[in-house]
Protein backbone atom coordinates (compact mmCIF):
# COMPACT_ATOMS: atom_id res chain seq x y z
CA MET A 1 -62.09 106.71 -55.58
CA ASN A 2 -61.08 110.13 -54.28
CA HIS A 3 -61.21 109.93 -50.49
CA ARG A 4 -59.41 111.64 -47.91
CA PRO A 5 -58.38 109.43 -44.75
CA ARG A 6 -59.83 110.60 -41.63
CA LYS A 7 -58.19 110.88 -38.70
CA ARG A 8 -61.59 110.29 -36.19
CA PHE A 9 -61.91 106.70 -38.15
CA GLY A 10 -58.23 106.07 -37.61
CA GLN A 11 -58.15 105.38 -41.77
CA ASN A 12 -55.12 103.88 -43.14
CA PHE A 13 -55.88 102.40 -46.46
CA LEU A 14 -53.52 99.28 -47.47
CA HIS A 15 -52.46 99.44 -51.10
CA ASP A 16 -49.53 96.67 -50.87
CA THR A 17 -50.23 94.28 -53.10
CA GLY A 18 -47.89 91.93 -51.84
CA VAL A 19 -49.34 92.44 -48.51
CA ILE A 20 -52.65 91.95 -49.98
CA ARG A 21 -52.15 88.73 -51.28
CA GLY A 22 -49.91 87.35 -47.99
CA ILE A 23 -53.20 88.06 -45.72
CA ILE A 24 -55.37 86.47 -48.27
CA ALA A 25 -52.96 83.60 -48.07
CA ALA A 26 -53.10 83.39 -44.24
CA ILE A 27 -56.79 83.53 -44.07
CA HIS A 28 -57.25 81.15 -47.09
CA PRO A 29 -61.09 81.65 -47.92
CA ARG A 30 -62.61 78.64 -48.78
CA SER A 31 -66.12 78.77 -50.17
CA GLY A 32 -69.02 78.42 -48.26
CA GLU A 33 -67.22 79.89 -45.36
CA HIS A 34 -68.75 83.45 -43.71
CA LEU A 35 -66.64 85.66 -43.45
CA VAL A 36 -67.26 89.16 -41.97
CA GLU A 37 -65.08 92.22 -43.06
CA ILE A 38 -64.60 94.89 -40.45
CA GLY A 39 -63.51 98.46 -41.90
CA PRO A 40 -63.46 97.39 -45.79
CA GLY A 41 -62.68 101.03 -46.59
CA LEU A 42 -61.66 101.32 -50.21
CA GLY A 43 -62.21 97.32 -50.68
CA ALA A 44 -58.22 96.45 -50.98
CA LEU A 45 -58.82 93.29 -49.29
CA THR A 46 -62.90 92.86 -49.98
CA GLU A 47 -61.77 92.72 -53.51
CA PRO A 48 -60.21 89.36 -53.45
CA LEU A 49 -62.02 88.06 -50.73
CA LEU A 50 -65.41 88.56 -52.26
CA GLU A 51 -63.72 86.90 -55.68
CA LEU A 52 -62.85 83.89 -54.09
CA LEU A 53 -66.13 83.24 -51.75
CA GLY A 54 -68.85 84.99 -53.89
CA GLU A 55 -70.72 86.76 -51.19
CA MET A 56 -69.42 88.00 -47.95
CA ASP A 57 -70.73 90.93 -44.90
CA ALA A 58 -68.81 93.67 -44.23
CA VAL A 59 -69.22 96.41 -40.99
CA GLU A 60 -68.09 99.64 -42.38
CA LEU A 61 -68.65 103.05 -39.82
CA ASP A 62 -67.88 105.72 -42.51
CA ARG A 63 -70.99 106.35 -44.49
CA ASP A 64 -68.92 107.90 -47.44
CA LEU A 65 -67.47 104.79 -48.51
CA VAL A 66 -70.54 102.61 -48.62
CA PRO A 67 -72.04 104.08 -52.00
CA HIS A 68 -68.09 103.43 -53.45
CA LEU A 69 -68.29 99.71 -52.24
CA GLN A 70 -71.75 99.01 -53.73
CA GLN A 71 -70.50 100.62 -56.81
CA LEU A 72 -67.34 98.77 -56.87
CA PHE A 73 -68.72 95.45 -56.32
CA THR A 74 -71.66 95.55 -58.22
CA ASN A 75 -72.53 92.15 -60.18
CA ARG A 76 -69.13 90.80 -58.63
CA GLY A 77 -70.81 88.61 -56.02
CA GLU A 78 -73.15 89.66 -52.63
CA LEU A 79 -71.71 92.08 -50.52
CA ARG A 80 -73.51 93.03 -47.71
CA ILE A 81 -72.68 96.16 -46.27
CA HIS A 82 -73.87 96.96 -42.38
CA ASN A 83 -72.88 101.04 -41.97
CA THR A 84 -72.14 100.51 -38.32
CA ASP A 85 -69.86 100.72 -35.41
CA ALA A 86 -68.19 97.26 -34.80
CA LEU A 87 -67.85 98.13 -31.28
CA LYS A 88 -71.83 97.98 -31.13
CA PHE A 89 -72.28 95.44 -33.70
CA ASP A 90 -74.09 92.36 -32.94
CA PHE A 91 -71.96 89.70 -34.92
CA CYS A 92 -73.57 86.54 -33.94
CA SER A 93 -76.73 88.10 -35.69
CA LEU A 94 -75.04 87.01 -38.72
CA LEU A 95 -75.14 83.68 -38.34
CA GLY A 96 -77.64 81.61 -40.69
CA ALA A 97 -79.84 79.26 -40.00
CA ASP A 98 -76.61 76.70 -40.86
CA SER A 99 -74.93 77.84 -37.99
CA THR A 100 -71.65 78.33 -39.78
CA LEU A 101 -69.43 79.77 -37.54
CA LEU A 102 -67.99 83.34 -38.62
CA ARG A 103 -64.13 84.19 -39.83
CA VAL A 104 -63.49 87.83 -39.37
CA VAL A 105 -60.92 90.08 -40.45
CA GLY A 106 -59.93 93.58 -40.86
CA ASN A 107 -57.48 96.19 -40.85
CA LEU A 108 -58.33 97.49 -37.62
CA PRO A 109 -57.97 101.03 -36.47
CA TYR A 110 -55.54 101.47 -34.32
CA ASN A 111 -57.53 103.50 -32.00
CA ILE A 112 -60.19 101.04 -31.22
CA SER A 113 -58.44 97.97 -31.39
CA THR A 114 -58.25 96.74 -28.03
CA PRO A 115 -61.79 97.33 -27.06
CA LEU A 116 -62.88 95.62 -30.30
CA ILE A 117 -61.07 92.77 -29.22
CA PHE A 118 -63.03 92.57 -25.95
CA HIS A 119 -65.83 93.03 -27.97
CA LEU A 120 -65.76 90.17 -30.12
CA LEU A 121 -64.23 87.94 -27.28
CA GLU A 122 -67.62 88.11 -25.89
CA GLN A 123 -69.08 87.23 -29.30
CA SER A 124 -66.49 84.11 -29.69
CA HIS A 125 -68.78 81.12 -29.63
CA CYS A 126 -70.26 82.79 -33.24
CA ILE A 127 -66.13 82.73 -34.54
CA GLU A 128 -64.37 80.34 -35.97
CA ASP A 129 -61.07 82.86 -36.40
CA MET A 130 -60.20 86.30 -36.52
CA HIS A 131 -56.95 87.69 -38.91
CA PHE A 132 -56.64 91.35 -38.13
CA MET A 133 -53.72 93.90 -39.50
CA LEU A 134 -52.91 95.83 -35.81
CA GLN A 135 -49.99 97.96 -34.43
CA LYS A 136 -47.16 95.65 -34.09
CA GLU A 137 -46.89 96.62 -30.34
CA VAL A 138 -50.41 95.53 -29.78
CA VAL A 139 -49.85 91.82 -31.64
CA GLU A 140 -46.73 91.57 -29.55
CA ARG A 141 -48.70 92.40 -26.35
CA LEU A 142 -51.11 89.58 -27.34
CA ALA A 143 -48.99 86.84 -28.11
CA ALA A 144 -46.70 87.63 -25.00
CA GLY A 145 -45.91 85.10 -22.27
CA PRO A 146 -45.14 85.66 -18.69
CA GLY A 147 -42.23 87.48 -17.40
CA GLY A 148 -42.09 90.29 -19.96
CA GLY A 149 -43.05 94.21 -20.00
CA ASP A 150 -45.68 93.35 -23.07
CA TYR A 151 -47.54 90.60 -20.83
CA GLY A 152 -50.72 92.29 -19.39
CA ARG A 153 -54.47 92.31 -19.13
CA LEU A 154 -54.67 92.31 -22.66
CA SER A 155 -52.39 88.73 -23.18
CA VAL A 156 -54.58 86.80 -20.48
CA MET A 157 -57.92 87.89 -21.67
CA VAL A 158 -56.98 87.05 -25.48
CA GLN A 159 -55.22 84.11 -24.36
CA TYR A 160 -57.87 82.51 -21.69
CA HIS A 161 -60.21 82.48 -25.26
CA CYS A 162 -58.42 81.85 -28.14
CA ARG A 163 -54.67 80.71 -29.85
CA VAL A 164 -52.55 83.42 -30.58
CA GLU A 165 -50.36 83.57 -33.46
CA LYS A 166 -48.57 86.20 -34.90
CA LEU A 167 -47.93 85.78 -38.59
CA PHE A 168 -46.04 88.54 -39.91
CA THR A 169 -44.91 92.40 -39.65
CA VAL A 170 -46.51 95.47 -42.03
CA PRO A 171 -44.42 98.29 -43.02
CA PRO A 172 -45.83 101.59 -42.59
CA GLY A 173 -45.41 102.12 -46.76
CA ALA A 174 -47.90 99.53 -47.47
CA PHE A 175 -50.39 102.07 -46.61
CA ASN A 176 -51.85 105.53 -47.51
CA PRO A 177 -51.48 107.42 -45.52
CA PRO A 178 -48.49 105.68 -44.03
CA PRO A 179 -48.87 105.29 -39.83
CA LYS A 180 -46.02 106.01 -38.09
CA VAL A 181 -45.65 102.70 -36.61
CA TYR A 182 -44.99 99.11 -37.92
CA SER A 183 -48.18 96.69 -38.17
CA ALA A 184 -49.04 93.07 -37.84
CA ILE A 185 -50.87 90.44 -38.81
CA VAL A 186 -52.26 88.19 -36.21
CA ARG A 187 -54.61 84.78 -36.25
CA LEU A 188 -56.96 84.47 -33.20
CA THR A 189 -58.62 81.28 -33.03
CA PRO A 190 -60.81 80.48 -30.21
CA TYR A 191 -60.85 77.40 -28.28
CA SER A 192 -63.92 75.00 -28.94
CA GLU A 193 -62.97 73.70 -25.17
CA LEU A 194 -61.27 75.96 -23.24
CA PRO A 195 -58.30 74.71 -21.82
CA HIS A 196 -58.26 76.54 -18.22
CA PRO A 197 -62.01 77.24 -17.85
CA ALA A 198 -62.54 79.15 -15.01
CA ARG A 199 -65.59 78.55 -12.80
CA ASP A 200 -67.50 82.49 -13.56
CA GLU A 201 -65.78 84.42 -16.10
CA LYS A 202 -66.82 87.72 -14.87
CA VAL A 203 -65.04 87.07 -11.85
CA PHE A 204 -62.09 86.00 -13.65
CA ALA A 205 -62.07 89.15 -16.13
CA ARG A 206 -62.61 91.64 -12.83
CA LEU A 207 -59.71 89.46 -11.26
CA VAL A 208 -57.46 90.11 -14.06
CA ALA A 209 -58.31 93.75 -14.33
CA GLN A 210 -57.21 94.19 -10.82
CA ALA A 211 -54.43 92.38 -10.43
CA PHE A 212 -53.01 94.82 -13.67
CA SER A 213 -54.47 98.04 -12.47
CA GLN A 214 -51.23 98.89 -10.75
CA ARG A 215 -48.23 96.75 -13.06
CA ARG A 216 -45.23 98.10 -10.47
CA LYS A 217 -47.20 96.68 -7.44
CA THR A 218 -47.43 93.11 -5.83
CA LEU A 219 -50.30 90.55 -5.95
CA ARG A 220 -50.67 91.15 -2.09
CA ASN A 221 -51.10 94.86 -2.68
CA ASN A 222 -53.26 94.78 -6.03
CA LEU A 223 -55.48 91.86 -4.64
CA LYS A 224 -56.10 92.85 -1.44
CA LYS A 225 -59.89 93.41 -2.04
CA VAL A 226 -61.01 90.03 -3.12
CA LEU A 227 -58.35 87.82 -1.73
CA ASP A 228 -55.92 87.76 1.50
CA THR A 229 -52.21 86.87 1.63
CA ALA A 230 -52.92 83.20 3.05
CA THR A 231 -54.91 82.53 0.27
CA ILE A 232 -53.25 83.24 -2.22
CA GLU A 233 -50.11 81.32 -0.51
CA SER A 234 -52.49 78.05 -0.48
CA LEU A 235 -52.25 78.13 -4.52
CA GLY A 236 -48.82 77.90 -4.48
CA ILE A 237 -48.53 81.64 -5.62
CA ASP A 238 -45.76 84.09 -4.08
CA PRO A 239 -48.14 87.19 -2.95
CA GLY A 240 -44.97 89.40 -3.30
CA ALA A 241 -44.90 88.58 -7.02
CA ARG A 242 -46.13 90.93 -9.93
CA PRO A 243 -48.74 90.06 -11.80
CA GLU A 244 -46.97 89.87 -15.15
CA THR A 245 -44.79 86.61 -13.74
CA LEU A 246 -48.27 84.64 -13.44
CA SER A 247 -49.33 82.14 -15.94
CA LEU A 248 -52.79 82.19 -17.28
CA GLN A 249 -53.36 79.07 -14.99
CA GLN A 250 -52.44 80.80 -12.07
CA PHE A 251 -54.82 83.92 -12.81
CA VAL A 252 -57.84 81.37 -13.19
CA ALA A 253 -56.85 79.50 -9.76
CA LEU A 254 -56.79 83.25 -8.15
CA ALA A 255 -60.39 83.65 -9.69
CA ASN A 256 -61.68 80.49 -8.53
CA ALA A 257 -60.30 81.13 -5.12
CA VAL A 258 -62.54 84.33 -5.43
CA VAL A 259 -65.44 81.87 -6.10
CA GLU A 260 -65.12 79.65 -3.75
CA GLN A 261 -65.18 82.37 -1.21
CA THR A 262 -68.48 83.84 -1.94
């Protein structure tokens, strides 16, 4: 298809067959699973996935690509295309009568990857796992542990909901046009039972955001509107610590303390 990649949609089309094989192997799709692809583009991943599964859903914002995908996969399986914005899409609406959890995959536009991940976390109870191509730096933030510069709000919130596995790196030349950055494949697997459940997840999310609102400031300063120094100390946490030094469990403990005070 003679389709010029559009910057406003963050389009970089994957074409490297070796990378495609690696992604399919990582996903390891099996018959009977319910797979949803975000941003199928020209169908580079869609083709092998549909061949293995026989049917799947795809969410594609660019309406000019929909006729191409429909024509490409005519009589090659059932591809249900949802021409809409993934950031506003209700993924749980795709669950069938058998309630088979969704497997979500996609080469995500880098300009919306973080808000899209947060959108999917809100629907994680409908999802078995997610395999995404993202900017390498974003994957490093997702997988980062406490103490480093990559560790932040995104790390804490995603690791609260999911097990995070960085799989492999993808060079710019695997795409057309090649992006200016390296990419990486990540697997996010929502927990069936949260290892560190917060008493109120909305309070937890607000506290994590507040803690990282000014990374160079201490917990004492960033959380002074919701927790006093004595309460932070009573949890065994140094009020003079910076947010990137705290573990997920400690953030949950802080949020639970906020709930106890209300």
